[in-house]
Amino acid sequence: MKINIQNHHVSLGEETRTDIETKFSKIVSHFPDLVSSDIIITKEHNQHRVEVFTNYEGTRVSAKATESIMYPAIAAALKKLETGLHNRKGQLKADLHAKPTSTKPEIASDIIQEMKLV
């Protein structure tokens, strides 16, 4: 899986990038159809904001988290992304099941007319 990491007003070291890729490996093990993901990490007013975007089965799934410390913000955003992916996977599985067909309730007067009692 390709991970695009963008940072604004934050410096990221190799350890941080490796940590992010390690956390993504768990998500990729559950969702092997993921091809790429974008992560934007910004720092504004002493708050770290992490936004994660990916495409899963034709739908864009995104998650955002804001914390005062960067690592909990990354963990929270990835957890929200995993939850969103599980929801999308559930929607896709629900579409595979047969939908119940509505039957017209039988009305006694219709049944009597069809019987031709005369």
Protein backbone atom coordinates (compact mmCIF):
# COMPACT_ATOMS: atom_id res chain seq x y z
CA MET A 1 0.00 0.00 0.00
CA LYS A 2 1.25 3.45 -0.88
CA ILE A 3 1.11 6.01 1.93
CA ASN A 4 1.46 9.70 1.07
CA ILE A 5 2.41 11.74 4.14
CA GLN A 6 2.18 15.53 4.03
CA ASN A 7 3.16 17.73 6.93
CA HIS A 8 2.52 21.43 7.53
CA HIS A 9 4.40 23.27 10.31
CA VAL A 10 5.56 19.91 11.71
CA SER A 11 8.82 18.08 11.17
CA LEU A 12 8.56 14.31 10.84
CA GLY A 13 11.50 11.98 11.31
CA GLU A 14 12.03 8.53 9.87
CA GLU A 15 10.86 6.96 13.14
CA THR A 16 7.51 8.73 12.87
CA ARG A 17 7.08 7.68 9.24
CA THR A 18 7.97 4.09 10.15
CA ASP A 19 5.49 4.20 13.05
CA ILE A 20 2.71 5.42 10.74
CA GLU A 21 3.48 2.68 8.22
CA THR A 22 3.43 0.08 11.01
CA LYS A 23 0.02 1.26 12.18
CA PHE A 24 -1.25 1.17 8.60
CA SER A 25 -0.04 -2.41 8.18
CA LYS A 26 -2.72 -3.51 10.67
CA ILE A 27 -5.42 -1.76 8.65
CA VAL A 28 -4.07 -3.22 5.40
CA SER A 29 -4.21 -6.73 6.88
CA HIS A 30 -7.97 -6.28 7.44
CA PHE A 31 -8.59 -4.48 4.15
CA PRO A 32 -6.22 -5.83 1.48
CA ASP A 33 -8.06 -3.96 -1.31
CA LEU A 34 -6.64 -0.61 -0.18
CA VAL A 35 -4.20 0.75 -2.74
CA SER A 36 -3.15 4.13 -1.37
CA SER A 37 -3.83 6.52 1.46
CA ASP A 38 -3.10 10.20 2.14
CA ILE A 39 -2.19 11.58 5.55
CA ILE A 40 -2.02 15.30 6.27
CA ILE A 41 -0.49 16.33 9.59
CA THR A 42 -0.73 20.01 10.53
CA LYS A 43 0.04 22.00 13.64
CA GLU A 44 -1.99 25.12 14.33
CA HIS A 45 -2.38 26.91 17.65
CA ASN A 46 -0.51 24.16 19.53
CA GLN A 47 -2.96 21.53 18.26
CA HIS A 48 -1.97 18.69 15.95
CA ARG A 49 -4.61 17.88 13.38
CA VAL A 50 -4.38 14.62 11.45
CA GLU A 51 -6.52 13.94 8.38
CA VAL A 52 -6.51 10.55 6.66
CA PHE A 53 -8.11 9.87 3.26
CA THR A 54 -8.42 6.66 1.27
CA ASN A 55 -10.63 5.10 -1.39
CA TYR A 56 -12.30 1.81 -0.58
CA GLU A 57 -14.53 0.02 -3.09
CA GLY A 58 -15.40 3.19 -4.99
CA THR A 59 -16.08 5.41 -1.98
CA ARG A 60 -13.80 7.95 -0.34
CA VAL A 61 -13.38 7.25 3.36
CA SER A 62 -11.84 9.93 5.57
CA ALA A 63 -11.10 10.52 9.24
CA LYS A 64 -9.88 13.50 11.26
CA ALA A 65 -8.51 13.85 14.76
CA THR A 66 -7.15 16.78 16.78
CA GLU A 67 -4.95 16.46 19.86
CA SER A 68 -2.31 18.54 21.60
CA ILE A 69 0.25 15.74 21.09
CA MET A 70 0.95 14.35 17.62
CA TYR A 71 1.10 10.58 18.31
CA PRO A 72 -2.33 10.30 19.99
CA ALA A 73 -3.78 12.35 17.12
CA ILE A 74 -2.33 9.90 14.58
CA ALA A 75 -3.63 6.91 16.56
CA ALA A 76 -7.11 8.44 16.92
CA ALA A 77 -7.35 9.28 13.20
CA LEU A 78 -6.28 5.78 12.18
CA LYS A 79 -8.78 4.23 14.58
CA LYS A 80 -11.55 6.39 13.10
CA LEU A 81 -10.44 5.41 9.60
CA GLU A 82 -10.59 1.73 10.51
CA THR A 83 -14.09 2.22 11.91
CA GLY A 84 -15.18 3.97 8.71
CA LEU A 85 -13.74 1.15 6.62
CA HIS A 86 -15.59 -1.44 8.71
CA ASN A 87 -18.83 0.50 8.18
CA ARG A 88 -18.26 0.61 4.42
CA LYS A 89 -17.45 -3.11 4.36
CA GLY A 90 -20.69 -3.79 6.26
CA GLN A 91 -22.65 -1.75 3.72
CA LEU A 92 -21.16 -3.75 0.88
CA LYS A 93 -21.95 -7.05 2.58
CA ALA A 94 -25.51 -5.92 3.30
CA ASP A 95 -26.03 -5.29 -0.41
CA LEU A 96 -25.16 -8.92 -1.17
CA HIS A 97 -27.97 -10.36 0.90
CA ALA A 98 -31.42 -10.95 -0.56
CA LYS A 99 -33.82 -8.19 0.29
CA PRO A 100 -37.23 -9.17 1.63
CA THR A 101 -40.03 -8.67 -0.84
CA SER A 102 -43.12 -6.93 0.32
CA THR A 103 -46.31 -8.88 -0.21
CA LYS A 104 -49.63 -7.26 -0.70
CA PRO A 105 -51.86 -7.99 2.28
CA GLU A 106 -54.86 -10.02 1.34
CA ILE A 107 -58.15 -8.23 1.74
CA ALA A 108 -61.19 -10.35 2.51
CA SER A 109 -63.40 -8.59 -0.03
CA ASP A 110 -60.90 -9.32 -2.86
CA ILE A 111 -60.80 -12.98 -1.94
CA ILE A 112 -64.60 -13.23 -1.90
CA GLN A 113 -64.88 -11.60 -5.33
CA GLU A 114 -62.38 -14.05 -6.82
CA MET A 115 -64.28 -17.05 -5.43
CA LYS A 116 -67.31 -16.43 -7.75
CA LEU A 117 -69.90 -17.65 -5.30
CA VAL A 118 -72.85 -17.09 -7.62
